[in-house]
Amino acid sequence: MTTPPIPQKPVAPTLELPADLEPVYANLARIAHSPSDIVIDFAHLLPGEPRAKISARVIMTPLNVKLLMRALADNLARYEAAFGEIQIPTNSTLADNLFKPFQGPPPEPPKEPTKE
């Protein structure tokens, strides 16, 4: 009696990080799609500025975006398990909280009463 072969686990690809790759900070993402692709533009919006320059564009298949969403959800769950739940403000829309115009410096805390 022969035993069936044990399936091999797929080997993860080796990722190479180019020496000249510059990290990009983004606090804004614009998403568009066609029947065959999903395009995600990443930008950094400065407070009080009406324009944001796109610094990276990622084009993926819908299947790969769905797999990315699953991976992000899994990693976010692990992050929250380690550091606590991320609170999303509920008194306005997410877009209002992320992209509202610059409001100026935060108010100063009340001063302690002076003892006379």
PDB file of N, CA and C in Angstrom:
ATOM      1  N   MET A   1       0.839  -1.170   0.000  1.00  0.00           N
ATOM      2  CA  MET A   1       0.000   0.000   0.000  1.00  0.00           C
ATOM      3  C   MET A   1       0.889   1.240   0.000  1.00  0.00           C
ATOM      4  N   THR A   2       0.630   2.108  -0.934  1.00  0.00           N
ATOM      5  CA  THR A   2       1.434   3.323  -1.011  1.00  0.00           C
ATOM      6  C   THR A   2       0.649   4.480  -0.407  1.00  0.00           C
ATOM      7  N   THR A   3       1.374   5.335   0.269  1.00  0.00           N
ATOM      8  CA  THR A   3       0.725   6.514   0.855  1.00  0.00           C
ATOM      9  C   THR A   3       0.749   7.648  -0.164  1.00  0.00           C
ATOM     10  N   PRO A   4      -0.327   8.436  -0.189  1.00  0.00           N
ATOM     11  CA  PRO A   4      -0.337   9.559  -1.133  1.00  0.00           C
ATOM     12  C   PRO A   4       0.723  10.582  -0.758  1.00  0.00           C
ATOM     13  N   PRO A   5       1.290  11.247  -1.741  1.00  0.00           N
ATOM     14  CA  PRO A   5       2.331  12.243  -1.427  1.00  0.00           C
ATOM     15  C   PRO A   5       1.744  13.397  -0.615  1.00  0.00           C
ATOM     16  N   ILE A   6       2.538  13.898   0.293  1.00  0.00           N
ATOM     17  CA  ILE A   6       2.122  15.044   1.118  1.00  0.00           C
ATOM     18  C   ILE A   6       2.320  16.309   0.297  1.00  0.00           C
ATOM     19  N   PRO A   7       1.239  17.095   0.144  1.00  0.00           N
ATOM     20  CA  PRO A   7       1.397  18.319  -0.657  1.00  0.00           C
ATOM     21  C   PRO A   7       2.394  19.279   0.001  1.00  0.00           C
ATOM     22  N   GLN A   8       3.206  19.875  -0.822  1.00  0.00           N
ATOM     23  CA  GLN A   8       4.186  20.842  -0.345  1.00  0.00           C
ATOM     24  C   GLN A   8       3.506  22.183  -0.094  1.00  0.00           C
ATOM     25  N   LYS A   9       3.911  22.857   0.968  1.00  0.00           N
ATOM     26  CA  LYS A   9       3.415  24.215   1.204  1.00  0.00           C
ATOM     27  C   LYS A   9       4.056  25.149   0.185  1.00  0.00           C
ATOM     28  N   PRO A  10       3.275  26.101  -0.341  1.00  0.00           N
ATOM     29  CA  PRO A  10       3.902  27.040  -1.274  1.00  0.00           C
ATOM     30  C   PRO A  10       4.978  27.859  -0.563  1.00  0.00           C
ATOM     31  N   VAL A  11       6.037  28.114  -1.277  1.00  0.00           N
ATOM     32  CA  VAL A  11       7.148  28.887  -0.728  1.00  0.00           C
ATOM     33  C   VAL A  11       6.863  30.370  -1.003  1.00  0.00           C
ATOM     34  N   ALA A  12       6.933  31.194   0.031  1.00  0.00           N
ATOM     35  CA  ALA A  12       6.715  32.632  -0.138  1.00  0.00           C
ATOM     36  C   ALA A  12       7.851  33.223  -0.967  1.00  0.00           C
ATOM     37  N   PRO A  13       7.510  34.157  -1.837  1.00  0.00           N
ATOM     38  CA  PRO A  13       8.577  34.754  -2.653  1.00  0.00           C
ATOM     39  C   PRO A  13       9.516  35.594  -1.790  1.00  0.00           C
ATOM     40  N   THR A  14      10.747  35.692  -2.242  1.00  0.00           N
ATOM     41  CA  THR A  14      11.710  36.571  -1.590  1.00  0.00           C
ATOM     42  C   THR A  14      11.477  37.982  -2.113  1.00  0.00           C
ATOM     43  N   LEU A  15      11.265  38.914  -1.223  1.00  0.00           N
ATOM     44  CA  LEU A  15      11.029  40.300  -1.620  1.00  0.00           C
ATOM     45  C   LEU A  15      12.330  41.069  -1.563  1.00  0.00           C
ATOM     46  N   GLU A  16      12.621  41.773  -2.627  1.00  0.00           N
ATOM     47  CA  GLU A  16      13.831  42.591  -2.681  1.00  0.00           C
ATOM     48  C   GLU A  16      13.439  44.045  -2.524  1.00  0.00           C
ATOM     49  N   LEU A  17      14.094  44.744  -1.633  1.00  0.00           N
ATOM     50  CA  LEU A  17      13.845  46.165  -1.386  1.00  0.00           C
ATOM     51  C   LEU A  17      14.948  46.961  -2.058  1.00  0.00           C
ATOM     52  N   PRO A  18      14.621  47.696  -3.141  1.00  0.00           N
ATOM     53  CA  PRO A  18      15.672  48.475  -3.809  1.00  0.00           C
ATOM     54  C   PRO A  18      16.293  49.495  -2.862  1.00  0.00           C
ATOM     55  N   ALA A  19      17.592  49.700  -2.982  1.00  0.00           N
ATOM     56  CA  ALA A  19      18.301  50.628  -2.107  1.00  0.00           C
ATOM     57  C   ALA A  19      17.795  52.057  -2.255  1.00  0.00           C
ATOM     58  N   ASP A  20      17.295  52.425  -3.446  1.00  0.00           N
ATOM     59  CA  ASP A  20      16.850  53.801  -3.672  1.00  0.00           C
ATOM     60  C   ASP A  20      15.352  54.000  -3.454  1.00  0.00           C
ATOM     61  N   LEU A  21      14.657  52.992  -2.912  1.00  0.00           N
ATOM     62  CA  LEU A  21      13.222  53.122  -2.671  1.00  0.00           C
ATOM     63  C   LEU A  21      12.964  54.101  -1.534  1.00  0.00           C
ATOM     64  N   GLU A  22      12.162  55.119  -1.810  1.00  0.00           N
ATOM     65  CA  GLU A  22      11.822  56.125  -0.799  1.00  0.00           C
ATOM     66  C   GLU A  22      10.482  55.796  -0.165  1.00  0.00           C
ATOM     67  N   PRO A  23      10.403  55.737   1.161  1.00  0.00           N
ATOM     68  CA  PRO A  23       9.109  55.527   1.816  1.00  0.00           C
ATOM     69  C   PRO A  23       8.195  56.728   1.540  1.00  0.00           C
ATOM     70  N   VAL A  24       6.912  56.469   1.497  1.00  0.00           N
ATOM     71  CA  VAL A  24       5.933  57.513   1.232  1.00  0.00           C
ATOM     72  C   VAL A  24       4.928  57.526   2.382  1.00  0.00           C
ATOM     73  N   TYR A  25       4.688  58.712   2.957  1.00  0.00           N
ATOM     74  CA  TYR A  25       3.642  58.864   3.967  1.00  0.00           C
ATOM     75  C   TYR A  25       2.374  59.306   3.253  1.00  0.00           C
ATOM     76  N   ALA A  26       1.260  58.673   3.556  1.00  0.00           N
ATOM     77  CA  ALA A  26      -0.006  59.046   2.947  1.00  0.00           C
ATOM     78  C   ALA A  26      -1.089  59.131   4.025  1.00  0.00           C
ATOM     79  N   ASN A  27      -1.890  60.187   3.964  1.00  0.00           N
ATOM     80  CA  ASN A  27      -3.048  60.288   4.839  1.00  0.00           C
ATOM     81  C   ASN A  27      -4.319  60.464   4.021  1.00  0.00           C
ATOM     82  N   LEU A  28      -4.203  60.194   2.722  1.00  0.00           N
ATOM     83  CA  LEU A  28      -5.337  60.295   1.823  1.00  0.00           C
ATOM     84  C   LEU A  28      -5.172  59.227   0.747  1.00  0.00           C
ATOM     85  N   ALA A  29      -6.252  58.534   0.444  1.00  0.00           N
ATOM     86  CA  ALA A  29      -6.237  57.558  -0.645  1.00  0.00           C
ATOM     87  C   ALA A  29      -7.467  57.793  -1.510  1.00  0.00           C
ATOM     88  N   ARG A  30      -7.254  57.781  -2.806  1.00  0.00           N
ATOM     89  CA  ARG A  30      -8.357  57.891  -3.766  1.00  0.00           C
ATOM     90  C   ARG A  30      -8.417  56.572  -4.511  1.00  0.00           C
ATOM     91  N   ILE A  31      -9.618  56.006  -4.600  1.00  0.00           N
ATOM     92  CA  ILE A  31      -9.780  54.691  -5.208  1.00  0.00           C
ATOM     93  C   ILE A  31     -10.713  54.805  -6.404  1.00  0.00           C
ATOM     94  N   ALA A  32     -10.296  54.227  -7.522  1.00  0.00           N
ATOM     95  CA  ALA A  32     -11.116  54.163  -8.731  1.00  0.00           C
ATOM     96  C   ALA A  32     -10.997  52.751  -9.287  1.00  0.00           C
ATOM     97  N   HIS A  33     -11.925  52.385 -10.166  1.00  0.00           N
ATOM     98  CA  HIS A  33     -11.851  51.040 -10.728  1.00  0.00           C
ATOM     99  C   HIS A  33     -12.424  50.990 -12.139  1.00  0.00           C
ATOM    100  N   SER A  34     -11.993  49.969 -12.846  1.00  0.00           N
ATOM    101  CA  SER A  34     -12.542  49.589 -14.141  1.00  0.00           C
ATOM    102  C   SER A  34     -13.002  48.140 -13.964  1.00  0.00           C
ATOM    103  N   PRO A  35     -13.568  47.543 -14.980  1.00  0.00           N
ATOM    104  CA  PRO A  35     -13.963  46.133 -14.819  1.00  0.00           C
ATOM    105  C   PRO A  35     -12.789  45.204 -14.496  1.00  0.00           C
ATOM    106  N   SER A  36     -11.577  45.576 -14.888  1.00  0.00           N
ATOM    107  CA  SER A  36     -10.452  44.659 -14.702  1.00  0.00           C
ATOM    108  C   SER A  36      -9.404  45.118 -13.695  1.00  0.00           C
ATOM    109  N   ASP A  37      -9.441  46.373 -13.262  1.00  0.00           N
ATOM    110  CA  ASP A  37      -8.405  46.890 -12.359  1.00  0.00           C
ATOM    111  C   ASP A  37      -9.013  47.773 -11.282  1.00  0.00           C
ATOM    112  N   ILE A  38      -8.311  47.848 -10.161  1.00  0.00           N
ATOM    113  CA  ILE A  38      -8.614  48.815  -9.111  1.00  0.00           C
ATOM    114  C   ILE A  38      -7.359  49.648  -8.925  1.00  0.00           C
ATOM    115  N   VAL A  39      -7.535  50.974  -8.948  1.00  0.00           N
ATOM    116  CA  VAL A  39      -6.427  51.914  -8.857  1.00  0.00           C
ATOM    117  C   VAL A  39      -6.531  52.638  -7.524  1.00  0.00           C
ATOM    118  N   ILE A  40      -5.442  52.632  -6.774  1.00  0.00           N
ATOM    119  CA  ILE A  40      -5.394  53.341  -5.493  1.00  0.00           C
ATOM    120  C   ILE A  40      -4.278  54.371  -5.588  1.00  0.00           C
ATOM    121  N   ASP A  41      -4.660  55.651  -5.479  1.00  0.00           N
ATOM    122  CA  ASP A  41      -3.693  56.742  -5.449  1.00  0.00           C
ATOM    123  C   ASP A  41      -3.492  57.150  -3.999  1.00  0.00           C
ATOM    124  N   PHE A  42      -2.240  57.277  -3.585  1.00  0.00           N
ATOM    125  CA  PHE A  42      -1.905  57.687  -2.227  1.00  0.00           C
ATOM    126  C   PHE A  42      -1.327  59.097  -2.266  1.00  0.00           C
ATOM    127  N   ALA A  43      -1.772  59.942  -1.326  1.00  0.00           N
ATOM    128  CA  ALA A  43      -1.309  61.325  -1.276  1.00  0.00           C
ATOM    129  C   ALA A  43      -1.176  61.756   0.178  1.00  0.00           C
ATOM    130  N   HIS A  44      -0.519  62.891   0.356  1.00  0.00           N
ATOM    131  CA  HIS A  44      -0.354  63.497   1.679  1.00  0.00           C
ATOM    132  C   HIS A  44      -1.002  64.864   1.631  1.00  0.00           C
ATOM    133  N   LEU A  45      -2.059  65.038   2.400  1.00  0.00           N
ATOM    134  CA  LEU A  45      -2.784  66.299   2.463  1.00  0.00           C
ATOM    135  C   LEU A  45      -2.344  67.058   3.711  1.00  0.00           C
ATOM    136  N   LEU A  46      -1.794  68.253   3.506  1.00  0.00           N
ATOM    137  CA  LEU A  46      -1.360  69.079   4.630  1.00  0.00           C
ATOM    138  C   LEU A  46      -2.537  69.886   5.159  1.00  0.00           C
ATOM    139  N   PRO A  47      -2.605  70.115   6.460  1.00  0.00           N
ATOM    140  CA  PRO A  47      -3.684  70.935   7.020  1.00  0.00           C
ATOM    141  C   PRO A  47      -3.706  72.319   6.376  1.00  0.00           C
ATOM    142  N   GLY A  48      -4.894  72.760   5.985  1.00  0.00           N
ATOM    143  CA  GLY A  48      -5.059  74.085   5.415  1.00  0.00           C
ATOM    144  C   GLY A  48      -4.745  74.179   3.934  1.00  0.00           C
ATOM    145  N   GLU A  49      -4.264  73.103   3.329  1.00  0.00           N
ATOM    146  CA  GLU A  49      -3.929  73.115   1.908  1.00  0.00           C
ATOM    147  C   GLU A  49      -5.079  72.509   1.105  1.00  0.00           C
ATOM    148  N   PRO A  50      -5.490  73.155   0.021  1.00  0.00           N
ATOM    149  CA  PRO A  50      -6.600  72.606  -0.762  1.00  0.00           C
ATOM    150  C   PRO A  50      -6.174  71.508  -1.737  1.00  0.00           C
ATOM    151  N   ARG A  51      -4.876  71.327  -1.963  1.00  0.00           N
ATOM    152  CA  ARG A  51      -4.399  70.343  -2.938  1.00  0.00           C
ATOM    153  C   ARG A  51      -3.472  69.340  -2.257  1.00  0.00           C
ATOM    154  N   ALA A  52      -3.529  68.125  -2.757  1.00  0.00           N
ATOM    155  CA  ALA A  52      -2.624  67.076  -2.284  1.00  0.00           C
ATOM    156  C   ALA A  52      -1.963  66.446  -3.502  1.00  0.00           C
ATOM    157  N   LYS A  53      -0.657  66.282  -3.446  1.00  0.00           N
ATOM    158  CA  LYS A  53       0.078  65.685  -4.557  1.00  0.00           C
ATOM    159  C   LYS A  53       0.113  64.170  -4.379  1.00  0.00           C
ATOM    160  N   ILE A  54      -0.288  63.458  -5.420  1.00  0.00           N
ATOM    161  CA  ILE A  54      -0.240  61.997  -5.382  1.00  0.00           C
ATOM    162  C   ILE A  54       1.221  61.564  -5.400  1.00  0.00           C
ATOM    163  N   SER A  55       1.593  60.728  -4.442  1.00  0.00           N
ATOM    164  CA  SER A  55       2.986  60.291  -4.344  1.00  0.00           C
ATOM    165  C   SER A  55       3.178  58.835  -4.742  1.00  0.00           C
ATOM    166  N   ALA A  56       2.092  58.086  -4.846  1.00  0.00           N
ATOM    167  CA  ALA A  56       2.205  56.686  -5.269  1.00  0.00           C
ATOM    168  C   ALA A  56       0.869  56.246  -5.867  1.00  0.00           C
ATOM    169  N   ARG A  57       0.942  55.423  -6.890  1.00  0.00           N
ATOM    170  CA  ARG A  57      -0.260  54.844  -7.505  1.00  0.00           C
ATOM    171  C   ARG A  57      -0.044  53.342  -7.574  1.00  0.00           C
ATOM    172  N   VAL A  58      -1.020  52.591  -7.057  1.00  0.00           N
ATOM    173  CA  VAL A  58      -0.963  51.135  -7.076  1.00  0.00           C
ATOM    174  C   VAL A  58      -2.153  50.641  -7.890  1.00  0.00           C
ATOM    175  N   ILE A  59      -1.882  49.798  -8.883  1.00  0.00           N
ATOM    176  CA  ILE A  59      -2.920  49.229  -9.728  1.00  0.00           C
ATOM    177  C   ILE A  59      -2.927  47.724  -9.474  1.00  0.00           C
ATOM    178  N   MET A  60      -4.093  47.199  -9.098  1.00  0.00           N
ATOM    179  CA  MET A  60      -4.214  45.783  -8.752  1.00  0.00           C
ATOM    180  C   MET A  60      -5.457  45.178  -9.389  1.00  0.00           C
ATOM    181  N   THR A  61      -5.469  43.860  -9.486  1.00  0.00           N
ATOM    182  CA  THR A  61      -6.681  43.178  -9.923  1.00  0.00           C
ATOM    183  C   THR A  61      -7.677  43.180  -8.760  1.00  0.00           C
ATOM    184  N   PRO A  62      -8.978  43.068  -9.058  1.00  0.00           N
ATOM    185  CA  PRO A  62      -9.960  42.991  -7.965  1.00  0.00           C
ATOM    186  C   PRO A  62      -9.675  41.839  -6.997  1.00  0.00           C
ATOM    187  N   LEU A  63      -9.236  40.693  -7.512  1.00  0.00           N
ATOM    188  CA  LEU A  63      -8.906  39.570  -6.630  1.00  0.00           C
ATOM    189  C   LEU A  63      -7.775  39.943  -5.681  1.00  0.00           C
ATOM    190  N   ASN A  64      -6.718  40.566  -6.197  1.00  0.00           N
ATOM    191  CA  ASN A  64      -5.599  40.946  -5.332  1.00  0.00           C
ATOM    192  C   ASN A  64      -6.002  42.001  -4.321  1.00  0.00           C
ATOM    193  N   VAL A  65      -6.906  42.908  -4.676  1.00  0.00           N
ATOM    194  CA  VAL A  65      -7.386  43.900  -3.709  1.00  0.00           C
ATOM    195  C   VAL A  65      -8.166  43.205  -2.597  1.00  0.00           C
ATOM    196  N   LYS A  66      -8.979  42.214  -2.966  1.00  0.00           N
ATOM    197  CA  LYS A  66      -9.729  41.484  -1.941  1.00  0.00           C
ATOM    198  C   LYS A  66      -8.783  40.741  -1.002  1.00  0.00           C
ATOM    199  N   LEU A  67      -7.735  40.144  -1.558  1.00  0.00           N
ATOM    200  CA  LEU A  67      -6.745  39.471  -0.719  1.00  0.00           C
ATOM    201  C   LEU A  67      -5.988  40.476   0.149  1.00  0.00           C
ATOM    202  N   LEU A  68      -5.699  41.661  -0.391  1.00  0.00           N
ATOM    203  CA  LEU A  68      -5.058  42.718   0.390  1.00  0.00           C
ATOM    204  C   LEU A  68      -5.965  43.149   1.539  1.00  0.00           C
ATOM    205  N   MET A  69      -7.260  43.312   1.252  1.00  0.00           N
ATOM    206  CA  MET A  69      -8.204  43.682   2.320  1.00  0.00           C
ATOM    207  C   MET A  69      -8.202  42.647   3.435  1.00  0.00           C
ATOM    208  N   ARG A  70      -8.155  41.381   3.072  1.00  0.00           N
ATOM    209  CA  ARG A  70      -8.126  40.317   4.079  1.00  0.00           C
ATOM    210  C   ARG A  70      -6.847  40.406   4.908  1.00  0.00           C
ATOM    211  N   ALA A  71      -5.718  40.637   4.238  1.00  0.00           N
ATOM    212  CA  ALA A  71      -4.439  40.738   4.949  1.00  0.00           C
ATOM    213  C   ALA A  71      -4.414  41.969   5.851  1.00  0.00           C
ATOM    214  N   LEU A  72      -4.954  43.095   5.368  1.00  0.00           N
ATOM    215  CA  LEU A  72      -5.006  44.309   6.192  1.00  0.00           C
ATOM    216  C   LEU A  72      -5.901  44.096   7.409  1.00  0.00           C
ATOM    217  N   ALA A  73      -7.063  43.468   7.217  1.00  0.00           N
ATOM    218  CA  ALA A  73      -7.973  43.213   8.335  1.00  0.00           C
ATOM    219  C   ALA A  73      -7.307  42.319   9.381  1.00  0.00           C
ATOM    220  N   ASP A  74      -6.599  41.297   8.920  1.00  0.00           N
ATOM    221  CA  ASP A  74      -5.908  40.393   9.832  1.00  0.00           C
ATOM    222  C   ASP A  74      -4.820  41.137  10.611  1.00  0.00           C
ATOM    223  N   ASN A  75      -4.022  41.942   9.917  1.00  0.00           N
ATOM    224  CA  ASN A  75      -2.948  42.685  10.587  1.00  0.00           C
ATOM    225  C   ASN A  75      -3.501  43.750  11.517  1.00  0.00           C
ATOM    226  N   LEU A  76      -4.593  44.399  11.136  1.00  0.00           N
ATOM    227  CA  LEU A  76      -5.203  45.400  12.002  1.00  0.00           C
ATOM    228  C   LEU A  76      -5.765  44.753  13.264  1.00  0.00           C
ATOM    229  N   ALA A  77      -6.349  43.574  13.130  1.00  0.00           N
ATOM    230  CA  ALA A  77      -6.854  42.852  14.306  1.00  0.00           C
ATOM    231  C   ALA A  77      -5.713  42.511  15.260  1.00  0.00           C
ATOM    232  N   ARG A  78      -4.574  42.075  14.708  1.00  0.00           N
ATOM    233  CA  ARG A  78      -3.418  41.776  15.561  1.00  0.00           C
ATOM    234  C   ARG A  78      -2.858  43.043  16.214  1.00  0.00           C
ATOM    235  N   TYR A  79      -2.852  44.152  15.464  1.00  0.00           N
ATOM    236  CA  TYR A  79      -2.398  45.431  16.010  1.00  0.00           C
ATOM    237  C   TYR A  79      -3.272  45.834  17.190  1.00  0.00           C
ATOM    238  N   GLU A  80      -4.607  45.768  17.000  1.00  0.00           N
ATOM    239  CA  GLU A  80      -5.518  46.167  18.081  1.00  0.00           C
ATOM    240  C   GLU A  80      -5.430  45.229  19.272  1.00  0.00           C
ATOM    241  N   ALA A  81      -5.162  43.953  19.033  1.00  0.00           N
ATOM    242  CA  ALA A  81      -4.985  43.020  20.143  1.00  0.00           C
ATOM    243  C   ALA A  81      -3.762  43.400  20.970  1.00  0.00           C
ATOM    244  N   ALA A  82      -2.738  43.920  20.311  1.00  0.00           N
ATOM    245  CA  ALA A  82      -1.508  44.294  21.012  1.00  0.00           C
ATOM    246  C   ALA A  82      -1.576  45.683  21.632  1.00  0.00           C
ATOM    247  N   PHE A  83      -2.232  46.648  20.944  1.00  0.00           N
ATOM    248  CA  PHE A  83      -2.164  48.041  21.366  1.00  0.00           C
ATOM    249  C   PHE A  83      -3.502  48.669  21.731  1.00  0.00           C
ATOM    250  N   GLY A  84      -4.585  47.936  21.608  1.00  0.00           N
ATOM    251  CA  GLY A  84      -5.899  48.474  21.936  1.00  0.00           C
ATOM    252  C   GLY A  84      -6.669  48.892  20.691  1.00  0.00           C
ATOM    253  N   GLU A  85      -7.967  48.963  20.855  1.00  0.00           N
ATOM    254  CA  GLU A  85      -8.844  49.281  19.729  1.00  0.00           C
ATOM    255  C   GLU A  85      -8.624  50.705  19.233  1.00  0.00           C
ATOM    256  N   ILE A  86      -8.614  50.849  17.930  1.00  0.00           N
ATOM    257  CA  ILE A  86      -8.517  52.171  17.307  1.00  0.00           C
ATOM    258  C   ILE A  86      -9.920  52.753  17.275  1.00  0.00           C
ATOM    259  N   GLN A  87     -10.090  53.908  17.871  1.00  0.00           N
ATOM    260  CA  GLN A  87     -11.403  54.540  17.937  1.00  0.00           C
ATOM    261  C   GLN A  87     -11.627  55.415  16.717  1.00  0.00           C
ATOM    262  N   ILE A  88     -12.739  55.205  16.033  1.00  0.00           N
ATOM    263  CA  ILE A  88     -13.121  56.047  14.906  1.00  0.00           C
ATOM    264  C   ILE A  88     -14.166  57.029  15.418  1.00  0.00           C
ATOM    265  N   PRO A  89     -13.961  58.335  15.223  1.00  0.00           N
ATOM    266  CA  PRO A  89     -14.949  59.315  15.688  1.00  0.00           C
ATOM    267  C   PRO A  89     -16.308  59.025  15.066  1.00  0.00           C
ATOM    268  N   THR A  90     -17.361  59.165  15.877  1.00  0.00           N
ATOM    269  CA  THR A  90     -18.701  58.834  15.403  1.00  0.00           C
ATOM    270  C   THR A  90     -19.594  60.051  15.204  1.00  0.00           C
ATOM    271  N   ASN A  91     -19.156  61.227  15.613  1.00  0.00           N
ATOM    272  CA  ASN A  91     -20.024  62.396  15.527  1.00  0.00           C
ATOM    273  C   ASN A  91     -19.972  63.087  14.174  1.00  0.00           C
ATOM    274  N   SER A  92     -19.240  62.555  13.227  1.00  0.00           N
ATOM    275  CA  SER A  92     -19.205  63.104  11.875  1.00  0.00           C
ATOM    276  C   SER A  92     -18.711  61.999  10.948  1.00  0.00           C
ATOM    277  N   THR A  93     -18.617  62.305   9.665  1.00  0.00           N
ATOM    278  CA  THR A  93     -18.168  61.288   8.723  1.00  0.00           C
ATOM    279  C   THR A  93     -16.660  61.106   8.816  1.00  0.00           C
ATOM    280  N   LEU A  94     -16.184  59.976   8.365  1.00  0.00           N
ATOM    281  CA  LEU A  94     -14.743  59.718   8.357  1.00  0.00           C
ATOM    282  C   LEU A  94     -14.031  60.743   7.495  1.00  0.00           C
ATOM    283  N   ALA A  95     -14.638  61.096   6.353  1.00  0.00           N
ATOM    284  CA  ALA A  95     -14.024  62.099   5.481  1.00  0.00           C
ATOM    285  C   ALA A  95     -13.909  63.441   6.198  1.00  0.00           C
ATOM    286  N   ASP A  96     -14.937  63.811   6.980  1.00  0.00           N
ATOM    287  CA  ASP A  96     -14.862  65.066   7.737  1.00  0.00           C
ATOM    288  C   ASP A  96     -13.680  65.047   8.701  1.00  0.00           C
ATOM    289  N   ASN A  97     -13.466  63.926   9.360  1.00  0.00           N
ATOM    290  CA  ASN A  97     -12.376  63.841  10.333  1.00  0.00           C
ATOM    291  C   ASN A  97     -11.013  63.808   9.683  1.00  0.00           C
ATOM    292  N   LEU A  98     -10.913  63.191   8.517  1.00  0.00           N
ATOM    293  CA  LEU A  98      -9.616  63.091   7.856  1.00  0.00           C
ATOM    294  C   LEU A  98      -9.264  64.340   7.069  1.00  0.00           C
ATOM    295  N   PHE A  99     -10.281  64.975   6.467  1.00  0.00           N
ATOM    296  CA  PHE A  99      -9.979  65.995   5.479  1.00  0.00           C
ATOM    297  C   PHE A  99     -10.596  67.353   5.776  1.00  0.00           C
ATOM    298  N   LYS A 100     -11.066  67.578   7.008  1.00  0.00           N
ATOM    299  CA  LYS A 100     -11.636  68.886   7.307  1.00  0.00           C
ATOM    300  C   LYS A 100     -10.550  69.953   7.256  1.00  0.00           C
ATOM    301  N   PRO A 101     -10.930  71.189   6.930  1.00  0.00           N
ATOM    302  CA  PRO A 101      -9.919  72.254   6.846  1.00  0.00           C
ATOM    303  C   PRO A 101      -9.190  72.435   8.169  1.00  0.00           C
ATOM    304  N   PHE A 102      -7.988  72.928   8.063  1.00  0.00           N
ATOM    305  CA  PHE A 102      -7.155  73.192   9.238  1.00  0.00           C
ATOM    306  C   PHE A 102      -7.876  74.145  10.186  1.00  0.00           C
ATOM    307  N   GLN A 103      -7.915  73.818  11.446  1.00  0.00           N
ATOM    308  CA  GLN A 103      -8.661  74.590  12.431  1.00  0.00           C
ATOM    309  C   GLN A 103      -7.785  75.518  13.270  1.00  0.00           C
ATOM    310  N   GLY A 104      -6.502  75.570  13.014  1.00  0.00           N
ATOM    311  CA  GLY A 104      -5.619  76.387  13.841  1.00  0.00           C
ATOM    312  C   GLY A 104      -5.095  75.577  15.003  1.00  0.00           C
ATOM    313  N   PRO A 105      -4.292  76.219  15.860  1.00  0.00           N
ATOM    314  CA  PRO A 105      -3.709  75.481  16.986  1.00  0.00           C
ATOM    315  C   PRO A 105      -4.799  75.101  17.988  1.00  0.00           C
ATOM    316  N   PRO A 106      -4.568  74.035  18.745  1.00  0.00           N
ATOM    317  CA  PRO A 106      -5.567  73.657  19.749  1.00  0.00           C
ATOM    318  C   PRO A 106      -5.688  74.747  20.801  1.00  0.00           C
ATOM    319  N   PRO A 107      -6.864  74.852  21.406  1.00  0.00           N
ATOM    320  CA  PRO A 107      -7.025  75.883  22.437  1.00  0.00           C
ATOM    321  C   PRO A 107      -6.106  75.610  23.619  1.00  0.00           C
ATOM    322  N   GLU A 108      -5.715  76.697  24.269  1.00  0.00           N
ATOM    323  CA  GLU A 108      -4.854  76.551  25.442  1.00  0.00           C
ATOM    324  C   GLU A 108      -5.680  76.016  26.602  1.00  0.00           C
ATOM    325  N   PRO A 109      -5.067  75.194  27.446  1.00  0.00           N
ATOM    326  CA  PRO A 109      -5.806  74.688  28.603  1.00  0.00           C
ATOM    327  C   PRO A 109      -6.115  75.832  29.556  1.00  0.00           C
ATOM    328  N   PRO A 110      -7.187  75.699  30.341  1.00  0.00           N
ATOM    329  CA  PRO A 110      -7.513  76.764  31.288  1.00  0.00           C
ATOM    330  C   PRO A 110      -6.362  76.987  32.276  1.00  0.00           C
ATOM    331  N   LYS A 111      -6.171  78.232  32.645  1.00  0.00           N
ATOM    332  CA  LYS A 111      -5.093  78.553  33.589  1.00  0.00           C
ATOM    333  C   LYS A 111      -5.565  78.289  34.998  1.00  0.00           C
ATOM    334  N   GLU A 112      -4.614  77.851  35.792  1.00  0.00           N
ATOM    335  CA  GLU A 112      -4.937  77.578  37.203  1.00  0.00           C
ATOM    336  C   GLU A 112      -5.212  78.923  37.888  1.00  0.00           C
ATOM    337  N   PRO A 113      -6.195  78.955  38.776  1.00  0.00           N
ATOM    338  CA  PRO A 113      -6.456  80.203  39.489  1.00  0.00           C
ATOM    339  C   PRO A 113      -5.244  80.570  40.345  1.00  0.00           C
ATOM    340  N   THR A 114      -4.960  81.850  40.372  1.00  0.00           N
ATOM    341  CA  THR A 114      -3.831  82.306  41.181  1.00  0.00           C
ATOM    342  C   THR A 114      -4.253  82.463  42.618  1.00  0.00           C
ATOM    343  N   LYS A 115      -3.353  82.133  43.506  1.00  0.00           N
ATOM    344  CA  LYS A 115      -3.628  82.283  44.944  1.00  0.00           C
ATOM    345  C   LYS A 115      -3.198  83.654  45.369  1.00  0.00           C
ATOM    346  N   GLU A 116      -4.110  84.376  45.955  1.00  0.00           N
ATOM    347  CA  GLU A 116      -3.769  85.751  46.414  1.00  0.00           C
ATOM    348  C   GLU A 116      -3.850  85.838  47.895  1.00  0.00           C
TER     349      GLU A 116
END
